[in-house]
Amino acid sequence: MTSAAPVTTTDADWRVVVRAGVNVGAVTVVGVVVFAMLSRAMAGGLETVVQSVLILAGGAVFAYYPSVMLRPRDVDGIATAATIGLLGALVFTVVDTIVLRPINLYHWTWDAIGGGSGFWYIPVWWMGSAFLAWLGAWVVAKTSTERESSIPVLAGQSVAIGVVVGAIIMATGIIPFHSSGFALGIALGLVLHVPLSGVMRKR
């Protein structure tokens, strides 16, 4: 019987990676369903606030859950975390194609832009998912060289940076007050968190 506890990079095998990827994909499905259902029930500023909270939380989970499973310390661990992010996106894509699309859970605007095909943007989603997990693992690895870092604390820091970045972007008028502004904010926040984590480690 295998343990469900986090493992080090050297202990990780394909079963750990696949299980973590499936878990990430399942959480993504739940988050998308909740997001879509709330969109139908809400409107205006309240809808934007609730959706933004979901996106920030989802970004943190996607970025840091692979590291919870692996506790990365080196480039191999960071790469393996990115693989988990990619697998999570692939799992979601399968469920999305088989279940969510047929029941018309939400509108397929991007499909319409692509002439009825989603395969012009779906690979971008896969790359973005791997990118988020890669950044989160990088932050964990950089801050765990001397002692074990608290991943929930690191995730909270990334979200806080993301909120600030998203607010600045929307304050400039580049993007109106919308959940997409915070989606961009959490992505850029993770990018900024990598060098900042190195500075915080030296202090």
N, C-alpha and C. Protein backbone atom coordinates (compact mmCIF):
# COMPACT_ATOMS: atom_id res chain seq x y z
N MET A 1 0.86 -1.21 0.00
CA MET A 1 0.00 0.00 0.00
C MET A 1 0.88 1.24 0.00
N THR A 2 0.66 2.14 -0.93
CA THR A 2 1.49 3.33 -1.04
C THR A 2 0.97 4.44 -0.14
N SER A 3 1.88 5.27 0.30
CA SER A 3 1.52 6.38 1.18
C SER A 3 1.08 7.58 0.36
N ALA A 4 0.14 8.36 0.90
CA ALA A 4 -0.34 9.55 0.21
C ALA A 4 0.46 10.78 0.60
N ALA A 5 1.47 10.61 1.47
CA ALA A 5 2.26 11.74 1.94
C ALA A 5 3.14 12.28 0.81
N PRO A 6 3.48 13.56 0.88
CA PRO A 6 4.37 14.13 -0.14
C PRO A 6 5.70 13.40 -0.17
N VAL A 7 6.31 13.32 -1.31
CA VAL A 7 7.58 12.63 -1.47
C VAL A 7 8.62 13.61 -1.99
N THR A 8 9.88 13.24 -1.82
CA THR A 8 10.93 14.06 -2.39
C THR A 8 11.06 13.74 -3.87
N THR A 9 11.77 14.60 -4.58
CA THR A 9 11.90 14.42 -6.02
C THR A 9 12.48 13.06 -6.37
N THR A 10 13.47 12.62 -5.61
CA THR A 10 14.13 11.36 -5.94
C THR A 10 13.22 10.17 -5.71
N ASP A 11 12.20 10.33 -4.85
CA ASP A 11 11.27 9.23 -4.58
C ASP A 11 10.09 9.21 -5.54
N ALA A 12 9.87 10.30 -6.26
CA ALA A 12 8.70 10.41 -7.11
C ALA A 12 8.80 9.44 -8.28
N ASP A 13 7.72 8.74 -8.60
CA ASP A 13 7.69 7.89 -9.78
C ASP A 13 6.45 8.26 -10.60
N TRP A 14 6.22 7.53 -11.64
CA TRP A 14 5.14 7.89 -12.55
C TRP A 14 3.78 7.82 -11.88
N ARG A 15 3.62 6.96 -10.86
CA ARG A 15 2.33 6.87 -10.19
C ARG A 15 2.02 8.14 -9.41
N VAL A 16 3.04 8.71 -8.76
CA VAL A 16 2.86 9.96 -8.03
C VAL A 16 2.50 11.08 -9.00
N VAL A 17 3.22 11.13 -10.12
CA VAL A 17 3.00 12.18 -11.10
C VAL A 17 1.61 12.08 -11.71
N VAL A 18 1.21 10.87 -12.11
CA VAL A 18 -0.10 10.69 -12.74
C VAL A 18 -1.21 10.98 -11.74
N ARG A 19 -1.08 10.48 -10.50
CA ARG A 19 -2.12 10.73 -9.50
C ARG A 19 -2.28 12.22 -9.23
N ALA A 20 -1.15 12.92 -9.11
CA ALA A 20 -1.21 14.36 -8.87
C ALA A 20 -1.82 15.09 -10.06
N GLY A 21 -1.47 14.66 -11.29
CA GLY A 21 -2.04 15.28 -12.48
C GLY A 21 -3.55 15.10 -12.56
N VAL A 22 -4.01 13.89 -12.23
CA VAL A 22 -5.46 13.63 -12.22
C VAL A 22 -6.14 14.51 -11.18
N ASN A 23 -5.52 14.65 -10.01
CA ASN A 23 -6.11 15.48 -8.96
C ASN A 23 -6.21 16.94 -9.41
N VAL A 24 -5.16 17.44 -10.05
CA VAL A 24 -5.20 18.82 -10.55
C VAL A 24 -6.30 18.99 -11.59
N GLY A 25 -6.41 18.01 -12.49
CA GLY A 25 -7.46 18.07 -13.51
C GLY A 25 -8.84 18.05 -12.89
N ALA A 26 -9.04 17.21 -11.86
CA ALA A 26 -10.35 17.12 -11.21
C ALA A 26 -10.71 18.42 -10.51
N VAL A 27 -9.74 19.02 -9.82
CA VAL A 27 -9.99 20.30 -9.16
C VAL A 27 -10.33 21.38 -10.19
N THR A 28 -9.65 21.33 -11.34
CA THR A 28 -9.93 22.30 -12.40
C THR A 28 -11.36 22.15 -12.91
N VAL A 29 -11.80 20.91 -13.09
CA VAL A 29 -13.17 20.67 -13.55
C VAL A 29 -14.17 21.25 -12.56
N VAL A 30 -13.97 20.99 -11.27
CA VAL A 30 -14.87 21.51 -10.24
C VAL A 30 -14.87 23.04 -10.27
N GLY A 31 -13.67 23.63 -10.37
CA GLY A 31 -13.58 25.09 -10.40
C GLY A 31 -14.28 25.70 -11.59
N VAL A 32 -14.13 25.09 -12.75
CA VAL A 32 -14.78 25.60 -13.97
C VAL A 32 -16.30 25.48 -13.87
N VAL A 33 -16.78 24.36 -13.36
CA VAL A 33 -18.23 24.17 -13.21
C VAL A 33 -18.80 25.21 -12.25
N VAL A 34 -18.14 25.40 -11.11
CA VAL A 34 -18.61 26.39 -10.14
C VAL A 34 -18.59 27.79 -10.75
N PHE A 35 -17.51 28.10 -11.46
CA PHE A 35 -17.38 29.41 -12.12
C PHE A 35 -18.53 29.63 -13.10
N ALA A 36 -18.82 28.61 -13.92
CA ALA A 36 -19.88 28.74 -14.93
C ALA A 36 -21.25 28.88 -14.29
N MET A 37 -21.52 28.10 -13.24
CA MET A 37 -22.82 28.16 -12.59
C MET A 37 -23.05 29.51 -11.90
N LEU A 38 -21.99 30.02 -11.26
CA LEU A 38 -22.12 31.32 -10.61
C LEU A 38 -22.31 32.43 -11.63
N SER A 39 -21.72 32.26 -12.81
CA SER A 39 -21.89 33.26 -13.87
C SER A 39 -23.35 33.36 -14.29
N ARG A 40 -24.06 32.24 -14.22
CA ARG A 40 -25.47 32.25 -14.60
C ARG A 40 -26.34 32.87 -13.51
N ALA A 41 -25.88 32.78 -12.26
CA ALA A 41 -26.69 33.24 -11.14
C ALA A 41 -26.38 34.67 -10.72
N MET A 42 -25.25 35.21 -11.18
CA MET A 42 -24.82 36.54 -10.74
C MET A 42 -24.62 37.47 -11.93
N ALA A 43 -24.49 38.74 -11.61
CA ALA A 43 -24.22 39.74 -12.64
C ALA A 43 -23.56 40.95 -12.00
N GLY A 44 -22.92 41.76 -12.83
CA GLY A 44 -22.35 43.01 -12.35
C GLY A 44 -21.09 42.83 -11.51
N GLY A 45 -20.90 43.76 -10.58
CA GLY A 45 -19.69 43.78 -9.76
C GLY A 45 -19.54 42.55 -8.89
N LEU A 46 -20.66 42.06 -8.34
CA LEU A 46 -20.59 40.87 -7.48
C LEU A 46 -20.06 39.68 -8.26
N GLU A 47 -20.52 39.51 -9.48
CA GLU A 47 -20.04 38.42 -10.32
C GLU A 47 -18.54 38.53 -10.55
N THR A 48 -18.07 39.74 -10.83
CA THR A 48 -16.65 39.95 -11.08
C THR A 48 -15.81 39.61 -9.85
N VAL A 49 -16.28 40.05 -8.68
CA VAL A 49 -15.54 39.79 -7.44
C VAL A 49 -15.46 38.30 -7.16
N VAL A 50 -16.59 37.60 -7.25
CA VAL A 50 -16.62 36.16 -6.96
C VAL A 50 -15.76 35.40 -7.97
N GLN A 51 -15.89 35.73 -9.24
CA GLN A 51 -15.09 35.07 -10.26
C GLN A 51 -13.60 35.33 -10.05
N SER A 52 -13.27 36.54 -9.65
CA SER A 52 -11.86 36.88 -9.43
C SER A 52 -11.29 36.06 -8.28
N VAL A 53 -12.07 35.89 -7.21
CA VAL A 53 -11.62 35.07 -6.08
C VAL A 53 -11.38 33.64 -6.53
N LEU A 54 -12.29 33.09 -7.34
CA LEU A 54 -12.14 31.73 -7.84
C LEU A 54 -10.88 31.60 -8.70
N ILE A 55 -10.64 32.60 -9.54
CA ILE A 55 -9.47 32.54 -10.43
C ILE A 55 -8.18 32.63 -9.62
N LEU A 56 -8.13 33.50 -8.64
CA LEU A 56 -6.93 33.63 -7.82
C LEU A 56 -6.68 32.34 -7.03
N ALA A 57 -7.74 31.77 -6.47
CA ALA A 57 -7.59 30.51 -5.73
C ALA A 57 -7.17 29.39 -6.67
N GLY A 58 -7.81 29.32 -7.85
CA GLY A 58 -7.46 28.29 -8.81
C GLY A 58 -6.03 28.41 -9.29
N GLY A 59 -5.57 29.63 -9.52
CA GLY A 59 -4.19 29.84 -9.93
C GLY A 59 -3.20 29.37 -8.88
N ALA A 60 -3.53 29.64 -7.61
CA ALA A 60 -2.65 29.21 -6.52
C ALA A 60 -2.60 27.69 -6.42
N VAL A 61 -3.76 27.05 -6.55
CA VAL A 61 -3.80 25.58 -6.50
C VAL A 61 -3.00 24.98 -7.64
N PHE A 62 -3.22 25.49 -8.85
CA PHE A 62 -2.53 24.95 -10.02
C PHE A 62 -1.03 25.16 -9.91
N ALA A 63 -0.61 26.30 -9.35
CA ALA A 63 0.81 26.60 -9.26
C ALA A 63 1.51 25.81 -8.16
N TYR A 64 0.81 25.54 -7.05
CA TYR A 64 1.51 25.00 -5.89
C TYR A 64 1.13 23.57 -5.51
N TYR A 65 0.00 23.05 -5.97
CA TYR A 65 -0.33 21.67 -5.60
C TYR A 65 0.73 20.67 -6.06
N PRO A 66 1.27 20.79 -7.29
CA PRO A 66 2.34 19.86 -7.67
C PRO A 66 3.52 19.87 -6.71
N SER A 67 3.84 21.04 -6.16
CA SER A 67 4.94 21.13 -5.21
C SER A 67 4.57 20.51 -3.87
N VAL A 68 3.29 20.54 -3.51
CA VAL A 68 2.85 19.85 -2.29
C VAL A 68 3.14 18.36 -2.41
N MET A 69 2.94 17.81 -3.58
CA MET A 69 3.16 16.39 -3.80
C MET A 69 4.64 16.03 -3.94
N LEU A 70 5.46 16.98 -4.38
CA LEU A 70 6.86 16.65 -4.70
C LEU A 70 7.90 17.27 -3.78
N ARG A 71 7.60 18.42 -3.20
CA ARG A 71 8.60 19.18 -2.45
C ARG A 71 9.87 19.36 -3.28
N PRO A 72 9.80 20.04 -4.42
CA PRO A 72 10.95 20.15 -5.32
C PRO A 72 12.11 20.90 -4.68
N ARG A 73 13.32 20.42 -4.98
CA ARG A 73 14.53 21.07 -4.48
C ARG A 73 15.51 21.40 -5.60
N ASP A 74 15.32 20.81 -6.77
CA ASP A 74 16.28 20.98 -7.85
C ASP A 74 15.55 21.09 -9.18
N VAL A 75 16.31 21.16 -10.27
CA VAL A 75 15.71 21.34 -11.59
C VAL A 75 14.83 20.16 -11.97
N ASP A 76 15.20 18.96 -11.54
CA ASP A 76 14.38 17.79 -11.85
C ASP A 76 13.01 17.89 -11.18
N GLY A 77 13.01 18.33 -9.92
CA GLY A 77 11.74 18.49 -9.21
C GLY A 77 10.87 19.56 -9.84
N ILE A 78 11.49 20.66 -10.25
CA ILE A 78 10.74 21.74 -10.90
C ILE A 78 10.13 21.25 -12.21
N ALA A 79 10.91 20.51 -12.98
CA ALA A 79 10.42 19.97 -14.26
C ALA A 79 9.30 18.97 -14.04
N THR A 80 9.42 18.14 -13.00
CA THR A 80 8.38 17.16 -12.71
C THR A 80 7.09 17.85 -12.30
N ALA A 81 7.21 18.94 -11.53
CA ALA A 81 6.02 19.71 -11.15
C ALA A 81 5.33 20.28 -12.38
N ALA A 82 6.13 20.76 -13.34
CA ALA A 82 5.55 21.28 -14.58
C ALA A 82 4.83 20.17 -15.34
N THR A 83 5.37 18.97 -15.28
CA THR A 83 4.71 17.82 -15.93
C THR A 83 3.35 17.54 -15.30
N ILE A 84 3.28 17.65 -13.98
CA ILE A 84 2.00 17.47 -13.29
C ILE A 84 1.00 18.53 -13.76
N GLY A 85 1.45 19.77 -13.89
CA GLY A 85 0.56 20.82 -14.38
C GLY A 85 0.05 20.52 -15.78
N LEU A 86 0.93 20.02 -16.63
CA LEU A 86 0.53 19.64 -17.99
C LEU A 86 -0.48 18.51 -17.98
N LEU A 87 -0.23 17.49 -17.16
CA LEU A 87 -1.18 16.37 -17.07
C LEU A 87 -2.53 16.83 -16.55
N GLY A 88 -2.52 17.75 -15.59
CA GLY A 88 -3.78 18.28 -15.09
C GLY A 88 -4.58 18.96 -16.18
N ALA A 89 -3.90 19.72 -17.03
CA ALA A 89 -4.59 20.38 -18.15
C ALA A 89 -5.12 19.36 -19.14
N LEU A 90 -4.36 18.31 -19.39
CA LEU A 90 -4.82 17.26 -20.32
C LEU A 90 -6.04 16.54 -19.77
N VAL A 91 -6.03 16.23 -18.47
CA VAL A 91 -7.18 15.58 -17.85
C VAL A 91 -8.41 16.46 -17.96
N PHE A 92 -8.25 17.74 -17.67
CA PHE A 92 -9.38 18.66 -17.81
C PHE A 92 -9.90 18.70 -19.24
N THR A 93 -8.99 18.72 -20.20
CA THR A 93 -9.39 18.78 -21.61
C THR A 93 -10.24 17.58 -21.99
N VAL A 94 -9.86 16.41 -21.51
CA VAL A 94 -10.64 15.19 -21.80
C VAL A 94 -12.04 15.30 -21.22
N VAL A 95 -12.14 15.69 -19.94
CA VAL A 95 -13.45 15.82 -19.30
C VAL A 95 -14.25 16.93 -19.96
N ASP A 96 -13.58 18.01 -20.29
CA ASP A 96 -14.24 19.15 -20.95
C ASP A 96 -14.84 18.72 -22.28
N THR A 97 -14.08 17.97 -23.06
CA THR A 97 -14.53 17.55 -24.39
C THR A 97 -15.66 16.53 -24.32
N ILE A 98 -15.57 15.60 -23.38
CA ILE A 98 -16.54 14.51 -23.30
C ILE A 98 -17.81 14.90 -22.55
N VAL A 99 -17.66 15.74 -21.52
CA VAL A 99 -18.80 16.03 -20.64
C VAL A 99 -19.28 17.47 -20.75
N LEU A 100 -18.39 18.43 -20.51
CA LEU A 100 -18.82 19.83 -20.38
C LEU A 100 -19.29 20.44 -21.69
N ARG A 101 -18.63 20.13 -22.78
CA ARG A 101 -19.06 20.68 -24.07
C ARG A 101 -20.44 20.18 -24.49
N PRO A 102 -20.69 18.87 -24.41
CA PRO A 102 -22.02 18.38 -24.84
C PRO A 102 -23.19 18.96 -24.04
N ILE A 103 -22.98 19.29 -22.76
CA ILE A 103 -24.09 19.81 -21.96
C ILE A 103 -24.20 21.33 -22.07
N ASN A 104 -23.32 21.96 -22.90
CA ASN A 104 -23.37 23.41 -23.12
C ASN A 104 -23.32 24.19 -21.81
N LEU A 105 -22.32 23.85 -21.01
CA LEU A 105 -22.19 24.51 -19.71
C LEU A 105 -21.89 25.99 -19.86
N TYR A 106 -21.14 26.34 -20.89
CA TYR A 106 -20.81 27.75 -21.12
C TYR A 106 -20.62 27.96 -22.62
N HIS A 107 -20.54 29.24 -23.01
CA HIS A 107 -20.43 29.58 -24.42
C HIS A 107 -19.02 29.31 -24.94
N TRP A 108 -18.92 28.95 -26.21
CA TRP A 108 -17.63 28.61 -26.81
C TRP A 108 -17.19 29.72 -27.76
N THR A 109 -16.99 30.91 -27.18
CA THR A 109 -16.59 32.07 -27.97
C THR A 109 -15.28 31.82 -28.70
N TRP A 110 -14.32 31.20 -28.00
CA TRP A 110 -13.01 30.97 -28.60
C TRP A 110 -13.10 29.99 -29.76
N ASP A 111 -14.01 29.03 -29.67
CA ASP A 111 -14.22 28.11 -30.79
C ASP A 111 -14.72 28.87 -32.02
N ALA A 112 -15.64 29.79 -31.78
CA ALA A 112 -16.20 30.56 -32.89
C ALA A 112 -15.12 31.40 -33.56
N ILE A 113 -14.23 31.96 -32.74
CA ILE A 113 -13.14 32.76 -33.31
C ILE A 113 -12.24 31.88 -34.16
N GLY A 114 -12.06 30.64 -33.74
CA GLY A 114 -11.19 29.71 -34.47
C GLY A 114 -11.89 28.93 -35.55
N GLY A 115 -13.06 29.39 -35.99
CA GLY A 115 -13.76 28.70 -37.05
C GLY A 115 -14.38 27.39 -36.63
N GLY A 116 -14.76 27.28 -35.35
CA GLY A 116 -15.40 26.07 -34.85
C GLY A 116 -14.45 25.08 -34.22
N SER A 117 -13.18 25.38 -34.18
CA SER A 117 -12.19 24.49 -33.59
C SER A 117 -11.55 25.13 -32.37
N GLY A 118 -11.35 24.31 -31.34
CA GLY A 118 -10.70 24.81 -30.14
C GLY A 118 -9.21 24.53 -30.09
N PHE A 119 -8.70 23.85 -31.11
CA PHE A 119 -7.31 23.42 -31.03
C PHE A 119 -6.31 24.50 -31.44
N TRP A 120 -6.78 25.72 -31.58
CA TRP A 120 -5.85 26.83 -31.76
C TRP A 120 -5.49 27.45 -30.41
N TYR A 121 -6.34 27.25 -29.38
CA TYR A 121 -6.05 27.82 -28.08
C TYR A 121 -5.87 26.77 -26.98
N ILE A 122 -6.38 25.55 -27.18
CA ILE A 122 -6.23 24.51 -26.16
C ILE A 122 -4.77 24.19 -25.87
N PRO A 123 -3.89 24.07 -26.88
CA PRO A 123 -2.47 23.86 -26.56
C PRO A 123 -1.85 25.01 -25.77
N VAL A 124 -2.36 26.23 -25.97
CA VAL A 124 -1.88 27.35 -25.19
C VAL A 124 -2.25 27.16 -23.72
N TRP A 125 -3.44 26.63 -23.48
CA TRP A 125 -3.87 26.31 -22.12
C TRP A 125 -2.95 25.27 -21.50
N TRP A 126 -2.57 24.26 -22.29
CA TRP A 126 -1.65 23.24 -21.78
C TRP A 126 -0.32 23.85 -21.38
N MET A 127 0.21 24.70 -22.26
CA MET A 127 1.50 25.33 -21.97
C MET A 127 1.40 26.26 -20.76
N GLY A 128 0.30 27.00 -20.67
CA GLY A 128 0.11 27.89 -19.54
C GLY A 128 0.01 27.14 -18.22
N SER A 129 -0.64 26.00 -18.23
CA SER A 129 -0.78 25.18 -17.03
C SER A 129 0.57 24.67 -16.56
N ALA A 130 1.37 24.18 -17.50
CA ALA A 130 2.72 23.72 -17.16
C ALA A 130 3.56 24.89 -16.64
N PHE A 131 3.37 26.06 -17.24
CA PHE A 131 4.12 27.26 -16.85
C PHE A 131 3.81 27.65 -15.41
N LEU A 132 2.53 27.63 -15.02
CA LEU A 132 2.16 27.99 -13.65
C LEU A 132 2.77 27.04 -12.64
N ALA A 133 2.66 25.73 -12.91
CA ALA A 133 3.23 24.73 -11.99
C ALA A 133 4.75 24.86 -11.93
N TRP A 134 5.37 25.17 -13.05
CA TRP A 134 6.82 25.36 -13.11
C TRP A 134 7.25 26.54 -12.24
N LEU A 135 6.52 27.65 -12.34
CA LEU A 135 6.84 28.83 -11.54
C LEU A 135 6.65 28.56 -10.05
N GLY A 136 5.53 27.92 -9.70
CA GLY A 136 5.29 27.61 -8.30
C GLY A 136 6.38 26.72 -7.72
N ALA A 137 6.79 25.70 -8.48
CA ALA A 137 7.85 24.81 -8.01
C ALA A 137 9.17 25.54 -7.89
N TRP A 138 9.41 26.49 -8.78
CA TRP A 138 10.64 27.28 -8.73
C TRP A 138 10.69 28.10 -7.45
N VAL A 139 9.57 28.72 -7.09
CA VAL A 139 9.50 29.49 -5.86
C VAL A 139 9.77 28.59 -4.65
N VAL A 140 9.14 27.42 -4.63
CA VAL A 140 9.33 26.49 -3.51
C VAL A 140 10.78 26.04 -3.42
N ALA A 141 11.38 25.70 -4.56
CA ALA A 141 12.77 25.23 -4.56
C ALA A 141 13.73 26.32 -4.08
N LYS A 142 13.50 27.55 -4.52
CA LYS A 142 14.40 28.65 -4.16
C LYS A 142 14.31 29.00 -2.68
N THR A 143 13.15 28.79 -2.06
CA THR A 143 12.96 29.17 -0.66
C THR A 143 13.16 28.01 0.30
N SER A 144 13.49 26.84 -0.22
CA SER A 144 13.61 25.65 0.63
C SER A 144 15.03 25.09 0.65
N THR A 145 16.01 25.93 0.35
CA THR A 145 17.39 25.44 0.30
C THR A 145 17.95 25.17 1.69
N GLU A 146 17.54 25.97 2.67
CA GLU A 146 18.09 25.82 4.02
C GLU A 146 17.08 25.23 5.01
N ARG A 147 15.81 25.47 4.79
CA ARG A 147 14.77 24.92 5.66
C ARG A 147 13.50 24.75 4.86
N GLU A 148 12.60 23.93 5.40
CA GLU A 148 11.34 23.63 4.71
C GLU A 148 10.45 24.87 4.67
N SER A 149 10.04 25.25 3.48
CA SER A 149 9.15 26.39 3.34
C SER A 149 7.69 25.97 3.50
N SER A 150 6.86 26.90 3.96
CA SER A 150 5.43 26.65 4.06
C SER A 150 4.79 26.97 2.70
N ILE A 151 4.34 25.94 2.01
CA ILE A 151 3.77 26.15 0.68
C ILE A 151 2.49 27.00 0.74
N PRO A 152 1.59 26.79 1.72
CA PRO A 152 0.43 27.69 1.79
C PRO A 152 0.82 29.17 1.94
N VAL A 153 1.88 29.43 2.71
CA VAL A 153 2.34 30.81 2.86
C VAL A 153 2.86 31.35 1.53
N LEU A 154 3.64 30.53 0.81
CA LEU A 154 4.15 30.94 -0.50
C LEU A 154 3.00 31.20 -1.48
N ALA A 155 1.99 30.33 -1.45
CA ALA A 155 0.84 30.51 -2.32
C ALA A 155 0.11 31.81 -1.99
N GLY A 156 -0.02 32.08 -0.71
CA GLY A 156 -0.67 33.33 -0.30
C GLY A 156 0.11 34.56 -0.76
N GLN A 157 1.44 34.45 -0.71
CA GLN A 157 2.26 35.56 -1.18
C GLN A 157 2.07 35.79 -2.68
N SER A 158 2.01 34.70 -3.44
CA SER A 158 1.79 34.83 -4.88
C SER A 158 0.44 35.46 -5.18
N VAL A 159 -0.58 35.06 -4.44
CA VAL A 159 -1.91 35.64 -4.64
C VAL A 159 -1.89 37.13 -4.30
N ALA A 160 -1.24 37.48 -3.20
CA ALA A 160 -1.17 38.90 -2.82
C ALA A 160 -0.47 39.73 -3.90
N ILE A 161 0.64 39.21 -4.41
CA ILE A 161 1.34 39.92 -5.49
C ILE A 161 0.44 40.01 -6.72
N GLY A 162 -0.28 38.92 -7.01
CA GLY A 162 -1.18 38.90 -8.15
C GLY A 162 -2.30 39.91 -8.03
N VAL A 163 -2.84 40.07 -6.83
CA VAL A 163 -3.91 41.05 -6.61
C VAL A 163 -3.39 42.46 -6.87
N VAL A 164 -2.20 42.75 -6.35
CA VAL A 164 -1.61 44.08 -6.55
C VAL A 164 -1.35 44.34 -8.03
N VAL A 165 -0.76 43.35 -8.70
CA VAL A 165 -0.46 43.51 -10.13
C VAL A 165 -1.75 43.68 -10.94
N GLY A 166 -2.76 42.84 -10.64
CA GLY A 166 -4.04 42.95 -11.34
C GLY A 166 -4.70 44.28 -11.12
N ALA A 167 -4.65 44.78 -9.87
CA ALA A 167 -5.25 46.08 -9.57
C ALA A 167 -4.55 47.20 -10.33
N ILE A 168 -3.23 47.12 -10.42
CA ILE A 168 -2.47 48.15 -11.15
C ILE A 168 -2.84 48.12 -12.63
N ILE A 169 -2.91 46.91 -13.19
CA ILE A 169 -3.26 46.78 -14.61
C ILE A 169 -4.63 47.39 -14.90
N MET A 170 -5.61 47.09 -14.03
CA MET A 170 -6.95 47.61 -14.25
C MET A 170 -7.05 49.10 -13.96
N ALA A 171 -6.23 49.58 -13.02
CA ALA A 171 -6.23 51.02 -12.71
C ALA A 171 -5.71 51.83 -13.88
N THR A 172 -4.83 51.26 -14.67
CA THR A 172 -4.30 51.96 -15.84
C THR A 172 -5.30 52.01 -17.00
N GLY A 173 -6.34 51.17 -16.92
CA GLY A 173 -7.32 51.14 -17.98
C GLY A 173 -6.99 50.20 -19.11
N ILE A 174 -5.86 49.49 -19.00
CA ILE A 174 -5.50 48.51 -20.03
C ILE A 174 -6.56 47.43 -20.12
N ILE A 175 -7.03 46.99 -18.95
CA ILE A 175 -8.11 46.01 -18.85
C ILE A 175 -9.15 46.59 -17.91
N PRO A 176 -10.44 46.52 -18.24
CA PRO A 176 -11.47 47.00 -17.32
C PRO A 176 -11.57 46.10 -16.09
N PHE A 177 -12.35 46.52 -15.11
CA PHE A 177 -12.54 45.71 -13.90
C PHE A 177 -13.22 44.40 -14.28
N HIS A 178 -12.43 43.35 -14.35
CA HIS A 178 -12.91 42.06 -14.82
C HIS A 178 -12.04 40.97 -14.23
N SER A 179 -12.59 39.76 -14.13
CA SER A 179 -11.82 38.65 -13.57
C SER A 179 -10.58 38.32 -14.41
N SER A 180 -10.63 38.64 -15.71
CA SER A 180 -9.46 38.38 -16.55
C SER A 180 -8.26 39.22 -16.12
N GLY A 181 -8.51 40.39 -15.52
CA GLY A 181 -7.43 41.21 -15.02
C GLY A 181 -6.68 40.53 -13.90
N PHE A 182 -7.43 39.83 -13.03
CA PHE A 182 -6.78 39.11 -11.94
C PHE A 182 -6.16 37.80 -12.42
N ALA A 183 -6.70 37.25 -13.50
CA ALA A 183 -6.06 36.07 -14.10
C ALA A 183 -4.67 36.44 -14.61
N LEU A 184 -4.59 37.58 -15.29
CA LEU A 184 -3.29 38.07 -15.74
C LEU A 184 -2.42 38.44 -14.55
N GLY A 185 -3.06 38.99 -13.51
CA GLY A 185 -2.32 39.40 -12.32
C GLY A 185 -1.65 38.23 -11.61
N ILE A 186 -2.36 37.10 -11.45
CA ILE A 186 -1.77 35.95 -10.75
C ILE A 186 -0.65 35.34 -11.57
N ALA A 187 -0.78 35.36 -12.89
CA ALA A 187 0.29 34.83 -13.75
C ALA A 187 1.54 35.70 -13.64
N LEU A 188 1.36 37.01 -13.77
CA LEU A 188 2.51 37.91 -13.64
C LEU A 188 3.03 37.94 -12.21
N GLY A 189 2.13 37.76 -11.24
CA GLY A 189 2.56 37.71 -9.85
C GLY A 189 3.50 36.54 -9.58
N LEU A 190 3.22 35.40 -10.19
CA LEU A 190 4.10 34.24 -10.05
C LEU A 190 5.45 34.51 -10.70
N VAL A 191 5.42 35.16 -11.86
CA VAL A 191 6.68 35.51 -12.53
C VAL A 191 7.53 36.41 -11.63
N LEU A 192 6.90 37.39 -10.99
CA LEU A 192 7.62 38.30 -10.09
C LEU A 192 8.05 37.62 -8.81
N HIS A 193 7.27 36.64 -8.37
CA HIS A 193 7.56 35.97 -7.10
C HIS A 193 8.86 35.17 -7.15
N VAL A 194 9.23 34.70 -8.34
CA VAL A 194 10.46 33.91 -8.46
C VAL A 194 11.68 34.73 -8.04
N PRO A 195 11.95 35.89 -8.65
CA PRO A 195 13.12 36.67 -8.18
C PRO A 195 12.93 37.22 -6.77
N LEU A 196 11.70 37.57 -6.41
CA LEU A 196 11.46 38.07 -5.06
C LEU A 196 11.74 37.01 -4.01
N SER A 197 11.44 35.74 -4.32
CA SER A 197 11.70 34.66 -3.37
C SER A 197 13.19 34.52 -3.11
N GLY A 198 14.01 34.79 -4.12
CA GLY A 198 15.46 34.76 -3.91
C GLY A 198 15.91 35.86 -2.98
N VAL A 199 15.30 37.05 -3.11
CA VAL A 199 15.64 38.16 -2.23
C VAL A 199 15.22 37.86 -0.80
N MET A 200 14.00 37.31 -0.63
CA MET A 200 13.51 37.00 0.71
C MET A 200 14.33 35.91 1.37
N ARG A 201 14.87 34.96 0.58
CA ARG A 201 15.67 33.88 1.13
C ARG A 201 16.97 34.42 1.71
N LYS A 202 17.54 35.46 1.09
CA LYS A 202 18.82 36.00 1.55
C LYS A 202 18.68 36.79 2.83
N ARG A 203 17.46 37.22 3.15
CA ARG A 203 17.27 38.05 4.35
C ARG A 203 17.23 37.22 5.63
